[in-house]
Amino acid sequence: MESRLTFREKTDVCWQKQLRDKYLIDGVPDVDLNIKKAIVRPVSRNLAAQIIYKYEWLGTMASAVNRFYGIFFGVYCAGVTTFASAGYNLPSLAKTFGIDGGKLAY
């Protein structure tokens, strides 16, 4: 999946609401969204990219990211987040804070 253009026409409806309305016709699974039952676990770069390209305002994902996590309600992934280890990509950042680069992510 490729990223989409980030420049859109001005509207009075927020981006997340536009997406919710657009995808509502696909149907909504019967999911218990109790946050106490949610599980956060690592996911593949591919799964993270699919969700980010579809729902993220900018429609892009940085190439430097190397950690991917999803929040799951049962079998359904409700969202993802990505991180990059500073020790690999920005060694000067770890030096700035005086910590081991392996313990710093952005």
Protein backbone atom coordinates (compact mmCIF):
# COMPACT_ATOMS: atom_id res chain seq x y z
CA MET A 1 0.00 0.00 0.00
CA GLU A 2 1.36 3.41 -0.90
CA SER A 3 1.07 6.56 1.13
CA ARG A 4 -1.53 9.07 0.03
CA LEU A 5 -1.26 12.75 -0.70
CA THR A 6 -1.21 14.83 2.46
CA PHE A 7 -2.79 17.97 1.06
CA ARG A 8 -6.55 17.90 1.31
CA GLU A 9 -9.37 20.33 0.87
CA LYS A 10 -10.36 22.32 3.95
CA THR A 11 -13.40 20.93 5.72
CA ASP A 12 -15.27 21.48 8.99
CA VAL A 13 -15.18 17.75 9.78
CA CYS A 14 -12.09 16.29 11.48
CA TRP A 15 -10.06 13.67 9.62
CA GLN A 16 -10.86 10.81 12.02
CA LYS A 17 -14.61 11.46 11.65
CA GLN A 18 -14.29 11.51 7.85
CA LEU A 19 -12.55 8.14 7.96
CA ARG A 20 -15.04 6.68 10.41
CA ASP A 21 -17.92 7.66 8.14
CA LYS A 22 -16.11 6.42 5.03
CA TYR A 23 -15.36 2.97 6.46
CA LEU A 24 -18.65 2.57 8.34
CA ILE A 25 -20.19 1.06 5.20
CA ASP A 26 -17.68 -1.82 5.51
CA GLY A 27 -19.41 -2.79 8.73
CA VAL A 28 -18.21 -2.79 12.30
CA PRO A 29 -17.25 -6.03 14.06
CA ASP A 30 -18.93 -6.84 17.35
CA VAL A 31 -15.97 -6.10 19.62
CA ASP A 32 -15.78 -5.58 23.37
CA LEU A 33 -13.73 -2.36 23.64
CA ASN A 34 -13.10 -2.70 27.36
CA ILE A 35 -9.59 -1.28 27.73
CA LYS A 36 -8.92 -3.62 30.68
CA LYS A 37 -9.20 -6.55 28.28
CA ALA A 38 -6.97 -5.01 25.62
CA ILE A 39 -3.59 -6.54 24.85
CA VAL A 40 -0.62 -4.61 23.49
CA ARG A 41 1.85 -6.74 21.57
CA PRO A 42 4.48 -6.46 18.86
CA VAL A 43 3.21 -6.52 15.28
CA SER A 44 4.91 -6.76 11.91
CA ARG A 45 6.06 -3.73 9.95
CA ASN A 46 3.59 -4.77 7.25
CA LEU A 47 0.57 -4.69 9.60
CA ALA A 48 1.67 -1.35 11.07
CA ALA A 49 2.11 0.12 7.58
CA GLN A 50 -1.33 -1.05 6.44
CA ILE A 51 -3.04 0.66 9.36
CA ILE A 52 -0.93 3.82 9.25
CA TYR A 53 -1.30 4.31 5.49
CA LYS A 54 -5.05 3.85 5.77
CA TYR A 55 -5.82 5.97 8.84
CA GLU A 56 -2.93 8.35 9.65
CA TRP A 57 -3.46 11.97 8.64
CA LEU A 58 -0.12 12.22 6.83
CA GLY A 59 -0.47 8.74 5.33
CA THR A 60 3.23 8.04 5.74
CA MET A 61 5.50 6.00 7.98
CA ALA A 62 9.11 6.89 8.64
CA SER A 63 11.63 4.46 7.19
CA ALA A 64 13.75 4.63 10.36
CA VAL A 65 11.16 3.01 12.62
CA ASN A 66 12.06 -0.48 13.77
CA ARG A 67 9.62 -1.28 16.58
CA PHE A 68 5.90 -1.79 15.95
CA TYR A 69 3.16 -2.41 18.50
CA GLY A 70 -0.57 -2.92 18.18
CA ILE A 71 -3.45 -2.77 20.64
CA PHE A 72 -5.79 -5.73 20.28
CA PHE A 73 -9.33 -6.31 21.40
CA GLY A 74 -9.69 -10.02 20.87
CA VAL A 75 -8.47 -10.75 17.33
CA TYR A 76 -8.99 -7.16 16.16
CA CYS A 77 -6.10 -4.71 15.99
CA ALA A 78 -7.54 -1.31 16.92
CA GLY A 79 -4.41 0.75 16.37
CA VAL A 80 -0.64 0.75 16.11
CA THR A 81 2.32 2.81 17.16
CA THR A 82 5.90 2.78 15.92
CA PHE A 83 9.26 3.62 17.48
CA ALA A 84 12.84 3.94 16.36
CA SER A 85 15.84 3.13 18.49
CA ALA A 86 17.91 6.27 18.84
CA GLY A 87 21.11 4.31 19.30
CA TYR A 88 20.91 3.12 15.71
CA ASN A 89 19.50 6.16 13.95
CA LEU A 90 20.36 9.17 16.10
CA PRO A 91 23.41 8.36 18.21
CA SER A 92 23.87 12.07 18.99
CA LEU A 93 20.46 12.13 20.72
CA ALA A 94 21.54 9.53 23.28
CA LYS A 95 24.78 11.44 23.82
CA THR A 96 22.83 14.67 24.38
CA PHE A 97 20.90 13.06 27.24
CA GLY A 98 23.89 11.11 28.50
CA ILE A 99 22.26 7.70 28.29
CA ASP A 100 22.86 4.42 26.50
CA GLY A 101 21.42 4.61 22.95
CA GLY A 102 19.85 1.18 23.37
CA LYS A 103 17.60 2.61 26.09
CA LEU A 104 16.31 5.52 24.05
CA ALA A 105 13.56 5.42 21.45
CA TYR A 106 11.62 8.09 19.63
